[in-house]
Amino acid sequence: MARGTYEIDKEKVKRLALEQGMSINNLCEKAEVSVSVINVNKKHYPATIKHIADALGVSISEIVKE
């Protein structure tokens, strides 16, 4: 993944979390990020997105908007 910031596909993240039996709060706690990372429309650094992807067991590319 190149440097810069990326937008998370919030709906996909929420769906993946639900499929794994996690609430958004649970996911954010596991990923060690603020709930606002998922709920606010803004771009994030790859390191932040990686925490979320790791918590979901998916790749970064699966949860960022193209």
C-alpha atoms as a PDB file:
ATOM      1  CA  MET A   1       0.000   0.000   0.000  1.00  0.00           C
ATOM      2  CA  ALA A   2       1.362   3.385  -0.972  1.00  0.00           C
ATOM      3  CA  ARG A   3       1.869   6.233   1.440  1.00  0.00           C
ATOM      4  CA  GLY A   4      -0.996   8.592   2.054  1.00  0.00           C
ATOM      5  CA  THR A   5      -4.396   8.242   3.571  1.00  0.00           C
ATOM      6  CA  TYR A   6      -7.319   6.049   2.626  1.00  0.00           C
ATOM      7  CA  GLU A   7     -11.024   5.916   3.261  1.00  0.00           C
ATOM      8  CA  ILE A   8     -12.421   2.878   5.019  1.00  0.00           C
ATOM      9  CA  ASP A   9     -15.420   1.121   3.488  1.00  0.00           C
ATOM     10  CA  LYS A  10     -17.493   1.542   6.634  1.00  0.00           C
ATOM     11  CA  GLU A  11     -20.397  -0.606   5.492  1.00  0.00           C
ATOM     12  CA  LYS A  12     -18.098  -3.505   4.644  1.00  0.00           C
ATOM     13  CA  VAL A  13     -16.278  -3.194   7.962  1.00  0.00           C
ATOM     14  CA  LYS A  14     -19.579  -3.188   9.847  1.00  0.00           C
ATOM     15  CA  ARG A  15     -20.807  -6.221   7.885  1.00  0.00           C
ATOM     16  CA  LEU A  16     -17.573  -8.150   8.487  1.00  0.00           C
ATOM     17  CA  ALA A  17     -17.709  -7.358  12.195  1.00  0.00           C
ATOM     18  CA  LEU A  18     -21.328  -8.519  12.447  1.00  0.00           C
ATOM     19  CA  GLU A  19     -20.518 -11.723  10.551  1.00  0.00           C
ATOM     20  CA  GLN A  20     -17.869 -12.419  13.195  1.00  0.00           C
ATOM     21  CA  GLY A  21     -20.233 -11.648  16.064  1.00  0.00           C
ATOM     22  CA  MET A  22     -18.566  -8.344  16.966  1.00  0.00           C
ATOM     23  CA  SER A  23     -20.143  -4.981  17.524  1.00  0.00           C
ATOM     24  CA  ILE A  24     -18.328  -1.908  16.230  1.00  0.00           C
ATOM     25  CA  ASN A  25     -17.338  -1.132  19.814  1.00  0.00           C
ATOM     26  CA  ASN A  26     -15.881  -4.645  20.207  1.00  0.00           C
ATOM     27  CA  LEU A  27     -14.034  -4.354  16.916  1.00  0.00           C
ATOM     28  CA  CYS A  28     -12.549  -0.973  17.795  1.00  0.00           C
ATOM     29  CA  GLU A  29     -11.498  -2.220  21.202  1.00  0.00           C
ATOM     30  CA  LYS A  30      -9.807  -5.262  19.652  1.00  0.00           C
ATOM     31  CA  ALA A  31      -8.143  -3.056  16.987  1.00  0.00           C
ATOM     32  CA  GLU A  32      -7.164  -0.470  19.607  1.00  0.00           C
ATOM     33  CA  VAL A  33      -8.707   2.399  17.652  1.00  0.00           C
ATOM     34  CA  SER A  34     -11.393   4.939  18.448  1.00  0.00           C
ATOM     35  CA  VAL A  35     -14.968   4.193  17.374  1.00  0.00           C
ATOM     36  CA  SER A  36     -14.835   7.450  15.419  1.00  0.00           C
ATOM     37  CA  VAL A  37     -12.384   5.786  13.011  1.00  0.00           C
ATOM     38  CA  ILE A  38     -15.303   3.688  11.764  1.00  0.00           C
ATOM     39  CA  ASN A  39     -18.114   6.194  12.224  1.00  0.00           C
ATOM     40  CA  VAL A  40     -16.603   9.421  10.854  1.00  0.00           C
ATOM     41  CA  ASN A  41     -16.125  10.062   7.145  1.00  0.00           C
ATOM     42  CA  LYS A  42     -12.452  10.840   6.857  1.00  0.00           C
ATOM     43  CA  LYS A  43      -9.279   9.255   5.567  1.00  0.00           C
ATOM     44  CA  HIS A  44      -6.876   7.290   7.735  1.00  0.00           C
ATOM     45  CA  TYR A  45      -3.246   6.236   7.605  1.00  0.00           C
ATOM     46  CA  PRO A  46      -2.437   2.658   6.550  1.00  0.00           C
ATOM     47  CA  ALA A  47      -1.258   1.762  10.075  1.00  0.00           C
ATOM     48  CA  THR A  48      -4.692   2.575  11.497  1.00  0.00           C
ATOM     49  CA  ILE A  49      -6.434   0.612   8.765  1.00  0.00           C
ATOM     50  CA  LYS A  50      -4.083  -2.325   9.352  1.00  0.00           C
ATOM     51  CA  HIS A  51      -5.186  -2.518  13.004  1.00  0.00           C
ATOM     52  CA  ILE A  52      -8.793  -2.839  11.864  1.00  0.00           C
ATOM     53  CA  ALA A  53      -7.963  -5.351   9.128  1.00  0.00           C
ATOM     54  CA  ASP A  54      -5.938  -7.465  11.562  1.00  0.00           C
ATOM     55  CA  ALA A  55      -8.788  -7.440  14.087  1.00  0.00           C
ATOM     56  CA  LEU A  56     -11.130  -8.663  11.348  1.00  0.00           C
ATOM     57  CA  GLY A  57      -8.648 -11.163   9.926  1.00  0.00           C
ATOM     58  CA  VAL A  58      -8.738  -9.607   6.450  1.00  0.00           C
ATOM     59  CA  SER A  59      -6.313  -7.723   4.231  1.00  0.00           C
ATOM     60  CA  ILE A  60      -6.176  -3.936   4.156  1.00  0.00           C
ATOM     61  CA  SER A  61      -7.286  -3.912   0.528  1.00  0.00           C
ATOM     62  CA  GLU A  62     -10.545  -5.628   1.520  1.00  0.00           C
ATOM     63  CA  ILE A  63     -11.683  -2.745   3.716  1.00  0.00           C
ATOM     64  CA  VAL A  64     -10.558   0.404   1.896  1.00  0.00           C
ATOM     65  CA  LYS A  65     -12.584   2.203  -0.729  1.00  0.00           C
ATOM     66  CA  GLU A  66     -11.104   2.180  -4.187  1.00  0.00           C
END
